[in-house]
Amino acid sequence: MFVLSSGQGLPQIGELALAIVLSAAIGLERELRFKNAGLRTHALVGLGAALFMLVSKYGFFDVLGDNVSLDPSRVAAQVVTGIGFIGGGLIFVRRDAVRGLTTAAVVWVTAAIGMACGAGLPVLAVAVTAGHFMVILGLNPVVRRLRMHADTMSHLRLVYLAGAGTLRDALVTCTRRGFVVTEVATERVHGEIPDAGRADGHERAEPGPVGGRTVAVTLGLLGRGSITDLTAELSELPAVLAVSAGNGSDRD
């Protein structure tokens, strides 16, 4: 049964075991960060990719003949395409934020590591696994430091009673706190107070003051100031009914 030439020997089992170990290490890091794809997903992706490589290398020896020639890379090429469907399922969009890109990329790299193990390239597999941890863990402080010195884009939704000059005061407050207002979207609602918890323009309306007019404004802000402090200050304006803020940057 365990014959090297058949692809079912101890070396191949060792390659599968290495694929599980390396993939599980990557998956554990994702699991500890509470990502959608965790330990089991990455371990299975790496193991499956390694097995596909072994099947591509050894699984068709019995059909070879004088008139039959096979390309051992054909199955491996389909793994690269197929893993894209899993990665695509991890990416989703909420409002203006795209999430899951890094996790999808990690799954893609895990599949590549599994393929390297199945191809008999353990040194490359280990090196890429180490490179993964260097990028994910080592570059995080660099990214945080760069963000501290770069302007960030945020969106702030303000709901207030009309006729009190609140928008003017809000714009002045934003400018004073170091923000540049890049966009303003205004919606006037008669006799209703929109739910400020949503920022997609389709609010759930609730009863408001009789005869009152409310205005819902979404501001696009660019700057290095504290959006939390800005929100707190805007909530103190006399005619303001509700304030909510959201960061427009992409997330893992």
Protein backbone atom coordinates (compact mmCIF):
# COMPACT_ATOMS: atom_id res chain seq x y z
CA MET A 1 0.00 0.00 0.00
CA PHE A 2 2.68 2.49 1.01
CA VAL A 3 4.57 2.68 -2.25
CA LEU A 4 6.45 5.87 -3.04
CA SER A 5 5.79 5.74 -6.77
CA SER A 6 2.04 5.44 -6.21
CA GLY A 7 1.88 8.65 -4.22
CA GLN A 8 0.66 6.89 -1.07
CA GLY A 9 3.89 6.60 0.87
CA LEU A 10 5.06 8.13 4.11
CA PRO A 11 6.58 11.18 2.35
CA GLN A 12 3.14 12.13 1.01
CA ILE A 13 1.53 11.65 4.42
CA GLY A 14 4.23 13.88 5.86
CA GLU A 15 3.43 16.54 3.28
CA LEU A 16 -0.25 16.41 4.22
CA ALA A 17 0.65 16.64 7.91
CA LEU A 18 2.86 19.67 7.28
CA ALA A 19 0.03 21.32 5.35
CA ILE A 20 -2.32 20.82 8.31
CA VAL A 21 0.18 22.20 10.81
CA LEU A 22 1.04 25.32 8.83
CA SER A 23 -2.56 26.01 7.82
CA ALA A 24 -3.81 25.48 11.37
CA ALA A 25 -1.22 27.95 12.67
CA ILE A 26 -2.53 30.57 10.27
CA GLY A 27 -6.13 29.69 11.12
CA LEU A 28 -5.44 30.00 14.84
CA GLU A 29 -4.28 33.57 14.37
CA ARG A 30 -7.49 34.34 12.46
CA GLU A 31 -9.56 32.56 15.12
CA LEU A 32 -8.04 34.62 17.92
CA ARG A 33 -8.97 37.76 15.98
CA PHE A 34 -12.59 36.58 15.66
CA LYS A 35 -12.54 36.54 11.86
CA ASN A 36 -15.17 34.79 9.73
CA ALA A 37 -12.72 32.11 8.57
CA GLY A 38 -10.93 30.56 11.53
CA LEU A 39 -8.93 27.53 12.55
CA ARG A 40 -11.00 24.80 10.91
CA THR A 41 -11.53 26.65 7.65
CA HIS A 42 -7.84 27.38 7.10
CA ALA A 43 -6.77 23.88 8.15
CA LEU A 44 -9.19 22.32 5.67
CA VAL A 45 -8.20 24.71 2.88
CA GLY A 46 -4.50 23.90 3.32
CA LEU A 47 -5.10 20.17 3.61
CA GLY A 48 -7.37 20.11 0.57
CA ALA A 49 -4.94 22.10 -1.55
CA ALA A 50 -2.11 19.73 -0.61
CA LEU A 51 -4.21 16.69 -1.48
CA PHE A 52 -5.20 18.18 -4.83
CA MET A 53 -1.50 18.64 -5.61
CA LEU A 54 -0.76 15.02 -4.71
CA VAL A 55 -3.68 13.78 -6.81
CA SER A 56 -2.46 15.89 -9.71
CA LYS A 57 1.04 14.43 -9.37
CA TYR A 58 0.24 10.75 -8.77
CA GLY A 59 -3.44 10.13 -9.38
CA PHE A 60 -3.33 9.42 -13.12
CA PHE A 61 -0.31 7.13 -13.49
CA ASP A 62 -2.57 4.18 -14.32
CA VAL A 63 -3.92 5.81 -17.48
CA LEU A 64 -0.56 6.80 -18.94
CA GLY A 65 0.48 5.06 -22.13
CA ASP A 66 2.07 5.52 -25.51
CA ASN A 67 -0.85 7.60 -26.76
CA VAL A 68 -1.69 9.34 -23.49
CA SER A 69 0.19 12.29 -22.01
CA LEU A 70 -1.02 14.34 -19.04
CA ASP A 71 -0.13 17.74 -17.64
CA PRO A 72 0.38 17.33 -13.87
CA SER A 73 -0.24 21.05 -13.29
CA ARG A 74 -3.83 21.07 -14.55
CA VAL A 75 -5.45 20.19 -11.20
CA ALA A 76 -3.23 22.64 -9.32
CA ALA A 77 -4.30 25.42 -11.68
CA GLN A 78 -7.95 24.75 -10.85
CA VAL A 79 -7.21 25.05 -7.13
CA VAL A 80 -6.10 28.64 -7.69
CA THR A 81 -9.38 29.39 -9.47
CA GLY A 82 -11.58 27.49 -7.04
CA ILE A 83 -10.20 29.11 -3.92
CA GLY A 84 -11.43 32.42 -5.29
CA PHE A 85 -15.02 31.36 -4.61
CA ILE A 86 -14.28 30.84 -0.94
CA GLY A 87 -12.47 34.16 -0.75
CA GLY A 88 -15.34 35.91 -2.49
CA GLY A 89 -17.77 34.55 0.08
CA LEU A 90 -15.75 36.15 2.89
CA ILE A 91 -15.97 39.66 1.44
CA PHE A 92 -19.07 41.72 2.11
CA VAL A 93 -20.04 45.37 1.90
CA ARG A 94 -21.89 47.25 4.60
CA ARG A 95 -22.86 50.79 3.67
CA ASP A 96 -19.60 52.30 2.42
CA ALA A 97 -17.24 49.86 4.16
CA VAL A 98 -15.72 46.76 2.53
CA ARG A 99 -14.89 44.02 5.02
CA GLY A 100 -13.17 40.65 4.78
CA LEU A 101 -10.48 41.49 2.22
CA THR A 102 -7.57 40.52 4.44
CA THR A 103 -9.22 37.29 5.58
CA ALA A 104 -9.94 36.35 1.95
CA ALA A 105 -6.30 37.03 1.07
CA VAL A 106 -5.15 34.88 3.99
CA VAL A 107 -7.31 31.97 2.77
CA TRP A 108 -5.73 32.39 -0.67
CA VAL A 109 -2.22 32.30 0.83
CA THR A 110 -3.17 29.25 2.93
CA ALA A 111 -4.20 27.41 -0.22
CA ALA A 112 -0.85 28.30 -1.78
CA ILE A 113 0.97 26.96 1.29
CA GLY A 114 -0.97 23.72 1.07
CA MET A 115 -0.10 23.41 -2.61
CA ALA A 116 3.57 23.95 -1.82
CA CYS A 117 3.42 21.17 0.76
CA GLY A 118 1.76 18.81 -1.70
CA ALA A 119 4.30 19.70 -4.38
CA GLY A 120 7.16 18.68 -2.10
CA LEU A 121 8.38 22.20 -1.36
CA PRO A 122 8.36 22.31 2.46
CA VAL A 123 10.97 25.06 2.76
CA LEU A 124 8.87 27.42 0.65
CA ALA A 125 5.74 26.49 2.59
CA VAL A 126 7.38 27.26 5.94
CA ALA A 127 8.89 30.48 4.59
CA VAL A 128 5.55 31.74 3.31
CA THR A 129 3.88 30.86 6.62
CA ALA A 130 6.50 32.92 8.42
CA GLY A 131 5.95 35.70 5.90
CA HIS A 132 2.24 35.65 6.67
CA PHE A 133 2.84 36.26 10.38
CA MET A 134 5.37 38.95 9.59
CA VAL A 135 2.83 40.81 7.44
CA ILE A 136 -0.23 40.33 9.68
CA LEU A 137 1.46 40.91 13.03
CA GLY A 138 4.56 42.88 12.18
CA LEU A 139 2.99 45.48 9.92
CA ASN A 140 0.07 46.33 12.21
CA PRO A 141 2.12 48.80 14.31
CA VAL A 142 3.39 50.40 11.11
CA VAL A 143 -0.17 50.82 9.79
CA ARG A 144 -1.36 52.31 13.09
CA ARG A 145 1.55 54.74 13.12
CA LEU A 146 0.84 55.82 9.55
CA ARG A 147 -2.83 56.34 10.34
CA MET A 148 -1.91 58.60 13.22
CA HIS A 149 -0.20 60.94 10.74
CA ALA A 150 -2.77 60.66 7.95
CA ASP A 151 -6.22 62.14 7.45
CA THR A 152 -9.08 59.67 7.81
CA MET A 153 -12.48 59.77 6.16
CA SER A 154 -15.53 59.59 8.41
CA HIS A 155 -19.25 60.10 8.02
CA LEU A 156 -21.39 61.86 10.60
CA ARG A 157 -25.18 61.95 10.63
CA LEU A 158 -26.88 64.85 12.37
CA VAL A 159 -30.62 65.12 13.08
CA TYR A 160 -31.88 68.50 14.32
CA LEU A 161 -34.85 70.85 14.41
CA ALA A 162 -34.98 73.19 11.44
CA GLY A 163 -34.80 76.96 11.71
CA ALA A 164 -32.20 77.29 14.44
CA GLY A 165 -29.06 77.65 12.31
CA THR A 166 -27.80 74.28 13.53
CA LEU A 167 -26.12 73.27 10.27
CA ARG A 168 -24.05 76.46 10.26
CA ASP A 169 -22.99 75.88 13.86
CA ALA A 170 -22.17 72.24 13.09
CA LEU A 171 -19.96 73.17 10.13
CA VAL A 172 -18.13 75.73 12.26
CA THR A 173 -17.59 73.12 14.98
CA CYS A 174 -16.22 70.60 12.48
CA THR A 175 -13.79 73.16 11.07
CA ARG A 176 -12.66 74.26 14.51
CA ARG A 177 -11.83 70.66 15.43
CA GLY A 178 -9.63 70.20 12.36
CA PHE A 179 -12.03 68.50 9.97
CA VAL A 180 -12.67 69.39 6.35
CA VAL A 181 -16.26 68.86 5.22
CA THR A 182 -16.05 67.11 1.85
CA GLU A 183 -19.72 66.36 1.32
CA VAL A 184 -23.11 67.38 2.70
CA ALA A 185 -26.34 65.44 2.09
CA THR A 186 -29.49 67.03 3.54
CA GLU A 187 -32.95 65.54 3.98
CA ARG A 188 -35.89 67.42 5.48
CA VAL A 189 -38.68 65.50 7.19
CA HIS A 190 -41.94 67.18 8.29
CA GLY A 191 -43.31 66.09 11.63
CA GLU A 192 -41.00 63.09 11.97
CA ILE A 193 -37.70 62.33 13.61
CA PRO A 194 -35.62 59.87 11.57
CA ASP A 195 -33.77 57.09 13.27
CA ALA A 196 -30.19 58.41 13.39
CA GLY A 197 -28.80 54.93 13.90
CA ARG A 198 -28.83 54.37 10.13
CA ALA A 199 -26.89 56.34 7.55
CA ASP A 200 -28.16 54.89 4.28
CA GLY A 201 -30.94 57.38 3.58
CA HIS A 202 -33.76 54.92 4.42
CA GLU A 203 -34.48 55.70 8.03
CA ARG A 204 -37.27 54.30 10.15
CA ALA A 205 -39.42 57.27 11.05
CA GLU A 206 -40.77 57.82 14.54
CA PRO A 207 -43.33 60.35 15.79
CA GLY A 208 -41.81 63.78 16.37
CA PRO A 209 -43.01 67.03 17.85
CA VAL A 210 -46.34 68.26 16.53
CA GLY A 211 -45.84 70.66 13.65
CA GLY A 212 -42.09 70.38 14.01
CA ARG A 213 -39.71 70.05 11.10
CA THR A 214 -36.59 67.98 11.41
CA VAL A 215 -33.58 67.84 9.12
CA ALA A 216 -31.27 64.88 8.68
CA VAL A 217 -27.79 65.74 7.39
CA THR A 218 -24.93 63.38 6.51
CA LEU A 219 -21.50 65.04 6.55
CA GLY A 220 -18.38 63.59 4.96
CA LEU A 221 -15.43 64.59 7.13
CA LEU A 222 -11.71 64.40 6.40
CA GLY A 223 -9.21 65.13 9.15
CA ARG A 224 -7.09 63.90 12.05
CA GLY A 225 -9.30 65.10 14.88
CA SER A 226 -11.27 62.95 17.28
CA ILE A 227 -14.63 62.02 15.79
CA THR A 228 -15.80 60.99 19.26
CA ASP A 229 -15.11 64.43 20.73
CA LEU A 230 -16.75 66.06 17.73
CA THR A 231 -19.86 63.93 18.15
CA ALA A 232 -20.05 64.80 21.84
CA GLU A 233 -19.78 68.52 21.14
CA LEU A 234 -22.38 68.46 18.37
CA SER A 235 -24.82 66.63 20.63
CA GLU A 236 -24.72 69.63 22.98
CA LEU A 237 -26.11 72.02 20.36
CA PRO A 238 -29.59 73.17 21.46
CA ALA A 239 -31.61 71.99 18.45
CA VAL A 240 -29.76 68.70 17.88
CA LEU A 241 -31.90 65.59 18.36
CA ALA A 242 -29.40 62.85 17.51
CA VAL A 243 -25.84 62.36 16.27
CA SER A 244 -24.18 59.20 14.95
CA ALA A 245 -20.74 58.69 13.39
CA GLY A 246 -19.09 55.98 11.35
CA ASN A 247 -15.61 55.39 9.94
CA GLY A 248 -15.45 54.93 6.18
CA SER A 249 -12.23 52.91 6.08
CA ASP A 250 -12.04 49.27 5.02
CA ARG A 251 -11.91 46.51 7.60
CA ASP A 252 -10.45 43.02 7.64
